[in-house]
N, C-alpha and C. Protein backbone atom coordinates (compact mmCIF):
# COMPACT_ATOMS: atom_id res chain seq x y z
N MET A 1 21.52 2.75 26.16
CA MET A 1 21.39 1.91 24.85
C MET A 1 20.65 0.49 24.35
N ILE A 2 20.60 0.21 23.45
CA ILE A 2 19.54 -0.76 23.44
C ILE A 2 20.14 -1.75 21.75
N ARG A 3 19.88 -2.78 21.47
CA ARG A 3 20.33 -3.43 20.46
C ARG A 3 19.04 -3.63 19.86
N THR A 4 18.98 -3.23 18.65
CA THR A 4 17.55 -3.45 17.44
C THR A 4 18.12 -4.77 16.63
N ARG A 5 17.03 -4.98 16.10
CA ARG A 5 16.63 -6.50 15.16
C ARG A 5 17.25 -6.69 14.27
N GLU A 6 17.71 -5.48 14.05
CA GLU A 6 18.99 -5.51 12.84
C GLU A 6 20.22 -5.83 13.55
N GLY A 7 20.80 -5.82 14.54
CA GLY A 7 21.93 -6.13 15.24
C GLY A 7 22.28 -4.76 15.26
N ARG A 8 21.97 -3.34 15.06
CA ARG A 8 22.95 -2.01 16.16
C ARG A 8 22.02 -1.84 17.12
N ILE A 9 23.57 -0.96 17.78
CA ILE A 9 23.28 -0.92 18.64
C ILE A 9 22.89 0.69 18.78
N ARG A 10 21.85 1.25 19.48
CA ARG A 10 21.38 2.63 18.96
C ARG A 10 20.81 3.03 20.63
N PRO A 11 20.52 4.88 20.89
CA PRO A 11 20.28 5.33 21.74
C PRO A 11 18.54 4.74 22.21
N LEU A 12 18.47 4.96 23.28
CA LEU A 12 17.00 5.24 23.83
C LEU A 12 16.14 6.34 23.51
N THR A 13 14.93 5.68 22.90
CA THR A 13 13.87 6.72 22.55
C THR A 13 13.18 7.44 24.04
N ALA A 14 12.70 8.55 23.88
CA ALA A 14 12.60 9.23 25.47
C ALA A 14 11.65 7.88 25.87
N PHE A 15 10.24 7.51 24.89
CA PHE A 15 9.29 7.01 25.04
C PHE A 15 9.67 5.56 25.49
N GLU A 16 11.39 4.89 25.16
CA GLU A 16 11.39 3.76 25.72
C GLU A 16 12.46 3.95 27.09
N ALA A 17 12.71 5.44 27.41
CA ALA A 17 13.51 5.35 28.28
C ALA A 17 12.74 5.35 29.77
N VAL A 18 11.80 5.97 29.67
CA VAL A 18 10.61 6.06 30.91
C VAL A 18 9.75 5.09 31.06
N PRO A 19 9.76 4.46 31.54
CA PRO A 19 8.76 2.69 31.44
C PRO A 19 6.70 3.70 31.65
N PHE A 20 6.12 3.08 30.72
CA PHE A 20 4.73 3.26 30.58
C PHE A 20 3.68 2.73 31.95
N VAL A 21 3.97 1.10 31.76
CA VAL A 21 3.09 0.42 32.22
C VAL A 21 4.24 -0.59 32.81
N HIS A 22 3.64 -0.90 34.25
CA HIS A 22 4.22 -2.07 34.72
C HIS A 22 4.93 -2.91 33.87
N SER A 23 4.00 -3.90 32.48
CA SER A 23 4.93 -4.96 31.77
C SER A 23 5.68 -4.55 31.14
N GLY A 24 5.87 -2.82 30.90
CA GLY A 24 7.48 -2.20 30.07
C GLY A 24 6.46 -1.61 29.04
N THR A 25 5.50 -1.96 28.68
CA THR A 25 4.96 -0.89 27.39
C THR A 25 5.59 0.31 26.97
N PRO A 26 6.16 0.85 26.10
CA PRO A 26 6.69 2.17 25.76
C PRO A 26 5.16 2.72 25.35
N PRO A 27 4.72 4.34 26.03
CA PRO A 27 3.72 4.63 25.62
C PRO A 27 3.84 5.37 23.81
N SER A 28 2.68 4.81 23.05
CA SER A 28 2.36 5.24 21.98
C SER A 28 1.91 6.61 22.37
N SER A 29 2.40 7.55 21.09
CA SER A 29 2.17 8.95 20.97
C SER A 29 0.73 9.01 20.74
N SER A 30 -0.07 8.16 20.13
CA SER A 30 -1.45 8.03 19.82
C SER A 30 -2.00 7.77 21.39
N LEU A 31 -2.00 7.45 22.20
CA LEU A 31 -2.39 7.27 23.96
C LEU A 31 -1.96 8.41 24.21
N ALA A 32 -0.79 8.94 24.35
CA ALA A 32 -0.19 10.30 24.69
C ALA A 32 -1.52 11.88 24.58
N ALA A 33 -1.45 11.41 23.29
CA ALA A 33 -2.20 12.50 22.68
C ALA A 33 -3.72 12.59 22.14
N PRO A 34 -4.97 12.95 22.50
CA PRO A 34 -6.19 12.79 21.91
C PRO A 34 -6.37 13.64 20.29
N VAL A 35 -6.97 12.37 19.37
CA VAL A 35 -7.25 12.91 18.55
C VAL A 35 -8.79 13.78 18.35
N ARG A 36 -8.80 15.11 17.43
CA ARG A 36 -10.15 15.72 17.49
C ARG A 36 -11.19 14.95 17.04
N PRO A 37 -12.22 15.04 17.88
CA PRO A 37 -13.04 14.24 17.68
C PRO A 37 -13.82 14.63 16.51
N PRO A 38 -15.12 13.95 16.08
CA PRO A 38 -15.91 13.70 14.50
C PRO A 38 -16.41 15.42 14.91
N ASP A 39 -16.83 15.70 16.44
CA ASP A 39 -17.99 16.72 16.62
C ASP A 39 -16.75 18.51 16.53
N GLY A 40 -15.62 17.99 16.97
CA GLY A 40 -14.87 18.89 17.27
C GLY A 40 -14.35 19.48 18.92
N ARG A 41 -14.76 18.93 19.31
CA ARG A 41 -15.09 19.66 20.91
C ARG A 41 -13.91 18.42 21.39
N TRP A 42 -12.85 19.47 22.08
CA TRP A 42 -11.38 18.43 22.71
C TRP A 42 -12.44 17.48 24.38
N PRO A 43 -12.02 16.37 24.79
CA PRO A 43 -12.25 15.86 26.05
C PRO A 43 -11.38 16.51 27.21
N ALA A 44 -12.49 16.56 27.69
CA ALA A 44 -11.67 17.57 29.28
C ALA A 44 -10.31 17.37 29.56
N PRO A 45 -9.49 17.95 30.01
CA PRO A 45 -7.87 17.40 30.40
C PRO A 45 -7.32 16.39 30.89
N THR A 46 -8.39 16.13 32.24
CA THR A 46 -8.54 14.86 32.85
C THR A 46 -8.75 13.48 32.42
N ASP A 47 -9.07 13.64 31.44
CA ASP A 47 -9.76 12.54 30.61
C ASP A 47 -8.55 11.70 29.40
N ARG A 48 -7.85 11.80 30.04
CA ARG A 48 -6.58 11.05 29.61
C ARG A 48 -6.54 9.41 29.35
N GLY A 49 -7.24 8.77 30.15
CA GLY A 49 -7.11 7.36 30.48
C GLY A 49 -6.55 7.26 31.85
N ARG A 50 -6.62 6.29 32.03
CA ARG A 50 -5.54 5.33 33.50
C ARG A 50 -5.07 4.28 33.27
N ILE A 51 -4.01 3.71 33.79
CA ILE A 51 -3.05 2.60 33.59
C ILE A 51 -3.77 1.82 35.15
N ARG A 52 -4.10 0.47 35.20
CA ARG A 52 -4.08 -0.64 36.32
C ARG A 52 -2.92 -1.54 35.94
N ARG A 53 -1.95 -1.41 37.16
CA ARG A 53 -1.01 -2.76 37.06
C ARG A 53 -1.59 -4.03 36.97
N GLY A 54 -1.18 -4.88 35.83
CA GLY A 54 -1.68 -6.08 36.45
C GLY A 54 -3.37 -6.39 35.44
N VAL A 55 -3.58 -7.74 35.06
CA VAL A 55 -4.84 -7.58 34.43
C VAL A 55 -5.09 -9.02 35.64
N ASN A 56 -6.33 -8.48 36.00
CA ASN A 56 -7.33 -10.29 36.85
C ASN A 56 -7.12 -10.81 35.71
N PRO A 57 -7.03 -12.33 36.03
CA PRO A 57 -6.75 -13.73 35.50
C PRO A 57 -8.56 -13.89 34.93
N ARG A 58 -9.26 -13.45 35.86
CA ARG A 58 -10.46 -13.83 35.70
C ARG A 58 -11.47 -13.53 34.75
N ASP A 59 -10.51 -11.47 34.20
CA ASP A 59 -10.68 -10.97 33.41
C ASP A 59 -10.82 -12.02 31.95
N LEU A 60 -9.51 -12.42 31.88
CA LEU A 60 -9.45 -13.39 30.81
C LEU A 60 -10.16 -14.15 30.49
N GLU A 61 -10.51 -14.73 31.07
CA GLU A 61 -11.66 -16.07 30.80
C GLU A 61 -12.67 -15.71 30.26
N ARG A 62 -13.74 -14.25 29.48
CA ARG A 62 -14.08 -13.86 28.87
C ARG A 62 -13.76 -13.31 27.59
N VAL A 63 -12.60 -14.01 27.03
CA VAL A 63 -11.60 -13.31 26.07
C VAL A 63 -11.85 -15.03 25.59
N PRO A 64 -12.54 -15.16 23.85
CA PRO A 64 -11.98 -16.21 23.52
C PRO A 64 -10.55 -16.32 22.93
N LEU A 65 -9.98 -15.59 22.69
CA LEU A 65 -8.15 -15.91 22.38
C LEU A 65 -8.01 -16.59 23.92
N PHE A 66 -8.24 -16.65 24.93
CA PHE A 66 -7.30 -17.31 25.71
C PHE A 66 -8.59 -18.77 26.33
N ALA A 67 -10.22 -18.66 25.89
CA ALA A 67 -10.69 -19.66 26.04
C ALA A 67 -9.96 -21.26 25.93
N GLY A 68 -9.82 -22.12 27.04
CA GLY A 68 -9.33 -23.48 26.68
C GLY A 68 -8.17 -23.38 27.85
N CYS A 69 -7.85 -22.02 28.17
CA CYS A 69 -6.65 -21.61 29.13
C CYS A 69 -6.77 -22.37 30.01
N SER A 70 -6.05 -22.66 30.78
CA SER A 70 -6.06 -22.72 32.13
C SER A 70 -6.12 -21.98 33.24
N PRO A 71 -6.31 -21.80 34.42
CA PRO A 71 -6.29 -21.11 35.09
C PRO A 71 -4.96 -20.60 35.57
N ARG A 72 -3.67 -21.20 35.54
CA ARG A 72 -2.55 -21.41 35.38
C ARG A 72 -1.81 -20.46 34.20
N GLU A 73 -2.32 -21.07 33.20
CA GLU A 73 -2.08 -20.12 31.64
C GLU A 73 -2.06 -18.62 31.83
N ARG A 74 -3.99 -18.53 32.24
CA ARG A 74 -4.11 -17.28 32.14
C ARG A 74 -3.70 -16.34 33.51
N GLU A 75 -3.22 -16.55 34.32
CA GLU A 75 -2.11 -16.47 35.36
C GLU A 75 -0.59 -15.49 34.70
N GLN A 76 -0.61 -16.83 33.85
CA GLN A 76 0.97 -16.37 32.90
C GLN A 76 0.65 -14.99 32.36
N VAL A 77 -0.50 -16.11 31.68
CA VAL A 77 -0.81 -14.36 30.96
C VAL A 77 -1.31 -12.20 31.54
N ALA A 78 -1.73 -12.69 32.30
CA ALA A 78 -2.19 -11.32 33.17
C ALA A 78 -0.95 -11.29 33.94
N ARG A 79 -0.35 -11.86 34.22
CA ARG A 79 1.21 -11.25 34.76
C ARG A 79 2.23 -10.26 33.94
N ARG A 80 2.05 -10.93 33.04
CA ARG A 80 2.71 -10.20 31.86
C ARG A 80 1.92 -8.81 30.75
N ALA A 81 1.06 -8.63 31.51
CA ALA A 81 -0.19 -7.22 30.62
C ALA A 81 -0.50 -6.25 31.69
N ASP A 82 -1.13 -5.18 31.67
CA ASP A 82 -1.28 -4.51 31.88
C ASP A 82 -2.77 -4.05 31.43
N THR A 83 -3.56 -3.34 32.45
CA THR A 83 -5.21 -2.78 31.87
C THR A 83 -5.03 -1.55 31.94
N VAL A 84 -5.87 -0.98 30.67
CA VAL A 84 -5.77 0.47 30.80
C VAL A 84 -6.83 1.21 30.09
N ASP A 85 -7.34 1.83 30.96
CA ASP A 85 -8.74 2.74 30.73
C ASP A 85 -8.66 3.74 29.73
N ILE A 86 -9.38 4.09 28.68
CA ILE A 86 -9.35 4.81 27.67
C ILE A 86 -10.24 5.14 27.47
N PRO A 87 -10.13 6.76 27.25
CA PRO A 87 -11.45 7.40 26.71
C PRO A 87 -12.21 7.44 25.52
N GLN A 88 -13.52 7.66 24.89
CA GLN A 88 -13.88 7.33 23.57
C GLN A 88 -13.04 8.71 22.71
N GLY A 89 -12.93 8.36 21.58
CA GLY A 89 -11.70 8.92 20.89
C GLY A 89 -10.29 9.13 20.60
N ARG A 90 -9.67 8.51 21.22
CA ARG A 90 -8.29 8.14 21.55
C ARG A 90 -7.68 7.06 20.00
N GLN A 91 -6.83 7.64 19.68
CA GLN A 91 -6.24 6.75 18.48
C GLN A 91 -5.19 6.12 19.16
N LEU A 92 -5.28 4.65 19.35
CA LEU A 92 -4.92 3.39 19.35
C LEU A 92 -3.19 3.45 19.08
N LEU A 93 -4.22 2.70 17.66
CA LEU A 93 -2.80 2.64 16.94
C LEU A 93 -2.99 3.35 15.66
N THR A 94 -1.89 3.80 14.95
CA THR A 94 -1.65 4.74 13.74
C THR A 94 -1.39 3.60 12.40
N GLU A 95 -2.10 3.36 11.26
CA GLU A 95 -1.52 3.41 10.38
C GLU A 95 0.31 3.54 9.81
N GLY A 96 1.30 2.47 9.42
CA GLY A 96 2.56 2.88 9.06
C GLY A 96 3.24 3.36 9.93
N ARG A 97 3.00 3.42 11.92
CA ARG A 97 4.09 3.45 12.49
C ARG A 97 4.56 1.98 13.36
N LEU A 98 5.59 2.42 14.18
CA LEU A 98 6.53 1.04 14.55
C LEU A 98 5.51 0.30 15.74
N PRO A 99 5.79 -0.75 16.01
CA PRO A 99 4.57 -1.56 16.91
C PRO A 99 5.56 -1.61 17.92
N HIS A 100 5.17 -1.33 19.16
CA HIS A 100 5.53 -1.32 20.38
C HIS A 100 4.49 -2.77 21.35
N GLU A 101 3.58 -2.54 21.33
CA GLU A 101 2.62 -3.57 21.84
C GLU A 101 0.98 -3.71 21.50
N PHE A 102 0.55 -4.89 22.05
CA PHE A 102 -0.80 -5.88 21.28
C PHE A 102 -2.01 -5.57 22.58
N PHE A 103 -3.02 -5.68 21.99
CA PHE A 103 -4.38 -4.86 22.65
C PHE A 103 -5.52 -6.31 22.83
N VAL A 104 -5.92 -5.98 23.92
CA VAL A 104 -7.05 -7.34 23.64
C VAL A 104 -8.04 -6.46 24.38
N ILE A 105 -9.71 -5.85 23.43
CA ILE A 105 -10.08 -5.35 24.58
C ILE A 105 -11.22 -5.74 25.59
N LEU A 106 -11.38 -5.65 27.12
CA LEU A 106 -12.15 -6.09 27.71
C LEU A 106 -13.62 -5.66 27.97
N ASP A 107 -13.57 -4.55 27.92
CA ASP A 107 -15.04 -3.89 27.33
C ASP A 107 -14.83 -2.45 26.63
N GLY A 108 -16.16 -2.08 25.76
CA GLY A 108 -15.91 -0.88 24.88
C GLY A 108 -15.82 -1.44 23.76
N GLU A 109 -15.44 -0.34 22.90
CA GLU A 109 -15.36 -0.39 20.85
C GLU A 109 -14.56 0.46 20.54
N ALA A 110 -13.89 0.24 19.74
CA ALA A 110 -12.78 0.57 18.46
C ALA A 110 -12.59 0.37 17.47
N GLU A 111 -12.81 1.57 16.56
CA GLU A 111 -12.80 1.30 14.64
C GLU A 111 -11.81 0.83 14.46
N VAL A 112 -11.10 0.19 13.48
CA VAL A 112 -9.85 -0.38 12.29
C VAL A 112 -10.81 0.31 11.20
N THR A 113 -9.35 0.98 11.03
CA THR A 113 -9.52 1.69 9.58
C THR A 113 -7.96 1.27 8.60
N HIS A 114 -7.90 1.50 7.82
CA HIS A 114 -6.74 0.93 6.77
C HIS A 114 -6.91 2.09 5.10
N ASP A 115 -6.26 2.76 5.31
CA ASP A 115 -6.10 3.79 4.00
C ASP A 115 -7.33 4.84 4.11
N GLN A 116 -7.71 4.89 5.65
CA GLN A 116 -8.76 6.21 5.72
C GLN A 116 -10.23 5.87 5.66
N HIS A 117 -10.12 4.27 5.46
CA HIS A 117 -11.70 3.35 5.09
C HIS A 117 -11.58 2.46 6.41
N HIS A 118 -13.01 2.71 6.66
CA HIS A 118 -13.60 1.76 7.57
C HIS A 118 -13.82 0.09 7.68
N VAL A 119 -12.75 -0.57 8.02
CA VAL A 119 -12.39 -2.03 7.82
C VAL A 119 -13.05 -2.95 8.63
N ALA A 120 -13.15 -2.73 9.84
CA ALA A 120 -14.22 -3.08 10.89
C ALA A 120 -14.26 -2.23 12.80
N THR A 121 -15.51 -3.15 13.42
CA THR A 121 -15.78 -2.29 14.53
C THR A 121 -15.39 -3.54 15.38
N LEU A 122 -14.36 -3.06 16.52
CA LEU A 122 -14.04 -4.08 17.29
C LEU A 122 -15.08 -4.00 18.43
N GLY A 123 -14.87 -5.21 19.44
CA GLY A 123 -15.98 -5.22 20.39
C GLY A 123 -14.96 -6.16 21.68
N GLN A 124 -15.73 -6.19 22.75
CA GLN A 124 -15.75 -7.12 24.39
C GLN A 124 -14.47 -8.49 23.47
N GLY A 125 -12.94 -8.54 23.62
CA GLY A 125 -12.81 -9.91 23.53
C GLY A 125 -11.62 -10.05 22.18
N ASP A 126 -12.30 -8.63 21.13
CA ASP A 126 -11.46 -8.75 20.00
C ASP A 126 -9.99 -8.30 20.27
N PHE A 127 -9.36 -8.67 20.00
CA PHE A 127 -7.83 -7.93 19.67
C PHE A 127 -7.39 -7.32 18.60
N PHE A 128 -5.86 -6.83 18.66
CA PHE A 128 -5.32 -6.26 17.75
C PHE A 128 -4.08 -5.58 18.19
N GLY A 129 -2.99 -5.84 16.87
CA GLY A 129 -2.02 -5.23 17.30
C GLY A 129 -0.62 -5.86 16.99
N GLU A 130 -1.08 -7.39 16.79
CA GLU A 130 -0.66 -8.55 16.25
C GLU A 130 0.17 -8.62 14.88
N ILE A 131 -0.11 -8.12 13.75
CA ILE A 131 0.48 -8.18 12.61
C ILE A 131 1.59 -8.05 12.47
N ALA A 132 1.66 -6.79 13.15
CA ALA A 132 3.03 -5.99 12.97
C ALA A 132 4.01 -6.89 13.82
N LEU A 133 3.66 -6.94 14.95
CA LEU A 133 4.62 -7.45 15.97
C LEU A 133 4.73 -9.13 15.23
N VAL A 134 4.23 -9.59 15.26
CA VAL A 134 4.56 -11.27 14.69
C VAL A 134 5.43 -10.81 13.03
N GLU A 135 5.07 -9.99 12.34
CA GLU A 135 5.54 -9.99 11.11
C GLU A 135 6.45 -9.05 10.96
N HIS A 136 6.75 -8.36 11.95
CA HIS A 136 8.12 -7.12 12.21
C HIS A 136 8.35 -6.59 11.03
N THR A 137 7.08 -5.60 11.06
CA THR A 137 6.77 -4.71 10.41
C THR A 137 6.18 -3.89 10.44
N ARG A 138 5.66 -2.82 10.09
CA ARG A 138 5.03 -1.58 10.69
C ARG A 138 3.51 -1.59 10.42
N ARG A 139 2.43 -0.64 11.45
CA ARG A 139 1.22 -1.32 11.65
C ARG A 139 0.27 -1.35 10.09
N THR A 140 -0.35 -2.15 9.82
CA THR A 140 -0.91 -2.45 8.86
C THR A 140 -2.39 -1.39 8.88
N ALA A 141 -2.81 -0.91 9.84
CA ALA A 141 -3.80 0.07 10.08
C ALA A 141 -4.00 0.47 11.17
N SER A 142 -5.35 1.52 11.17
CA SER A 142 -5.05 2.18 12.92
C SER A 142 -6.25 2.00 13.55
N VAL A 143 -6.40 2.19 14.48
CA VAL A 143 -7.53 1.89 15.33
C VAL A 143 -8.00 2.93 16.28
N MET A 144 -8.66 3.10 16.65
CA MET A 144 -9.60 4.58 17.50
C MET A 144 -10.96 4.20 18.33
N THR A 145 -10.57 4.57 20.13
CA THR A 145 -11.89 3.95 20.55
C THR A 145 -13.21 4.65 20.11
N THR A 146 -13.81 4.35 20.02
CA THR A 146 -15.88 5.00 20.06
C THR A 146 -16.64 4.80 21.10
N THR A 147 -15.71 4.44 21.68
CA THR A 147 -16.63 4.20 23.48
C THR A 147 -15.64 4.36 24.51
N PRO A 148 -15.93 4.79 25.75
CA PRO A 148 -14.55 4.87 26.34
C PRO A 148 -14.83 2.97 26.34
N THR A 149 -13.37 2.87 26.76
CA THR A 149 -12.89 1.27 26.49
C THR A 149 -11.71 0.74 27.34
N THR A 150 -11.91 -0.52 27.49
CA THR A 150 -11.19 -1.15 28.74
C THR A 150 -9.99 -1.63 28.02
N LEU A 151 -8.66 -2.00 28.04
CA LEU A 151 -7.92 -2.54 27.23
C LEU A 151 -6.90 -3.17 28.08
N VAL A 152 -6.34 -5.10 27.58
CA VAL A 152 -5.36 -5.53 28.33
C VAL A 152 -4.47 -5.08 26.85
N VAL A 153 -2.98 -4.72 27.63
CA VAL A 153 -1.80 -4.49 26.51
C VAL A 153 -0.42 -5.04 27.16
N MET A 154 0.33 -5.09 26.29
CA MET A 154 1.14 -6.44 26.44
C MET A 154 1.81 -6.07 25.67
N SER A 155 3.21 -5.85 26.21
CA SER A 155 4.70 -4.80 25.34
C SER A 155 4.59 -6.00 24.20
N SER A 156 5.96 -5.85 23.27
CA SER A 156 6.21 -7.08 22.07
C SER A 156 7.30 -8.11 22.78
N LYS A 157 7.43 -7.85 23.94
CA LYS A 157 8.36 -9.01 24.39
C LYS A 157 7.43 -9.95 25.42
N ASP A 158 6.36 -9.04 25.94
CA ASP A 158 5.59 -10.11 26.70
C ASP A 158 5.00 -10.64 25.43
N PHE A 159 4.19 -9.95 24.45
CA PHE A 159 3.88 -10.95 23.37
C PHE A 159 4.40 -11.86 22.73
N ASP A 160 5.42 -11.79 22.82
CA ASP A 160 5.76 -13.26 21.91
C ASP A 160 6.52 -13.78 23.14
N ALA A 161 7.03 -13.62 24.65
CA ALA A 161 7.07 -14.63 25.62
C ALA A 161 5.34 -15.29 25.46
N VAL A 162 4.14 -15.40 25.35
CA VAL A 162 3.26 -15.39 25.30
C VAL A 162 2.89 -16.44 24.16
N ARG A 163 3.17 -15.82 22.97
CA ARG A 163 2.79 -16.68 21.86
C ARG A 163 4.17 -17.94 22.35
N ARG A 164 4.97 -17.66 22.79
CA ARG A 164 6.31 -18.62 22.67
C ARG A 164 5.92 -20.23 23.80
N ASP A 165 4.84 -19.27 24.43
CA ASP A 165 4.76 -20.03 26.44
C ASP A 165 3.39 -21.04 25.33
N LEU A 166 2.56 -20.14 25.03
CA LEU A 166 1.17 -20.97 24.77
C LEU A 166 0.83 -21.33 23.71
N PRO A 167 1.13 -22.59 23.10
CA PRO A 167 0.80 -22.84 21.37
C PRO A 167 -0.59 -22.47 21.53
N ARG A 168 -1.54 -22.70 21.79
CA ARG A 168 -2.76 -22.33 21.74
C ARG A 168 -3.44 -21.44 21.07
N VAL A 169 -2.71 -20.23 22.06
CA VAL A 169 -2.95 -19.13 22.19
C VAL A 169 -2.34 -18.31 20.71
N ALA A 170 -0.91 -18.80 20.76
CA ALA A 170 -0.16 -18.30 19.53
C ALA A 170 -0.62 -19.07 18.10
N GLU A 171 -1.19 -20.10 18.62
CA GLU A 171 -2.49 -20.64 16.80
C GLU A 171 -3.29 -19.71 16.49
N ARG A 172 -3.73 -19.65 17.50
CA ARG A 172 -5.22 -18.69 17.51
C ARG A 172 -4.84 -17.29 16.84
N ILE A 173 -3.80 -16.72 17.11
CA ILE A 173 -3.39 -15.18 16.73
C ILE A 173 -2.54 -15.62 14.62
N GLU A 174 -2.04 -16.86 14.65
CA GLU A 174 -1.49 -17.12 13.93
C GLU A 174 -2.81 -16.98 12.77
N SER A 175 -3.79 -17.59 13.21
CA SER A 175 -4.94 -17.97 12.16
C SER A 175 -5.81 -16.59 12.11
N ALA A 176 -5.71 -15.51 13.22
CA ALA A 176 -6.54 -13.92 12.88
C ALA A 176 -5.22 -13.55 11.92
N ILE A 177 -4.23 -13.77 12.09
CA ILE A 177 -3.44 -12.92 10.86
C ILE A 177 -3.71 -13.33 9.58
N ARG A 178 -3.73 -14.78 9.79
CA ARG A 178 -4.14 -14.75 7.85
C ARG A 178 -5.30 -14.41 7.79
N GLU A 179 -6.23 -14.25 8.45
CA GLU A 179 -7.46 -14.41 8.16
C GLU A 179 -7.66 -12.81 7.41
N ARG A 180 -6.71 -11.87 8.48
CA ARG A 180 -6.84 -10.24 8.42
C ARG A 180 -6.33 -9.63 6.64
N LEU A 181 -4.97 -10.32 6.59
CA LEU A 181 -4.51 -10.47 5.66
C LEU A 181 -5.09 -11.12 4.28
N ALA A 182 -5.60 -11.41 5.06
CA ALA A 182 -6.58 -12.34 3.44
C ALA A 182 -7.83 -11.17 2.86
N ARG A 183 -7.64 -10.45 3.70
CA ARG A 183 -9.01 -8.92 3.49
C ARG A 183 -8.50 -8.98 2.17
């Protein structure tokens, strides 16, 4: 049983009951099931992605969100996240779904759509998933990998802790939210 943000107590879902990654991020159904690619060919069954526990703090040096953070601060972030390798054509976020995680792209690209219209192409150093977590609302857009992609994934609990403990990072996230919602 867990307590919801509204203060009610409810049973755990299957995704919440089974740990997804070291950080505790529950699996998104979009990560578990591939989306049929535009060419109609399904990826090989073994092409499901790979989870690596933890993040190398040096990998965070090349992420603008963490620019200006000390090595110790990057270590704090790295302890709260995991690295996930995702194949091309995988739906990462689905518009209207409840949020569970925050993502930073280390390598690769992803397409952002809103109401099935292209909004942006994200690449190395870009992040997403923050709006619904900060605003306590449903996902505002869908995101799908367009190339094999390596991501840093952080649970909502760890994302909140990073925002609380690293004010510079929190301000960059707030700035990105203001910019994205103004579109």
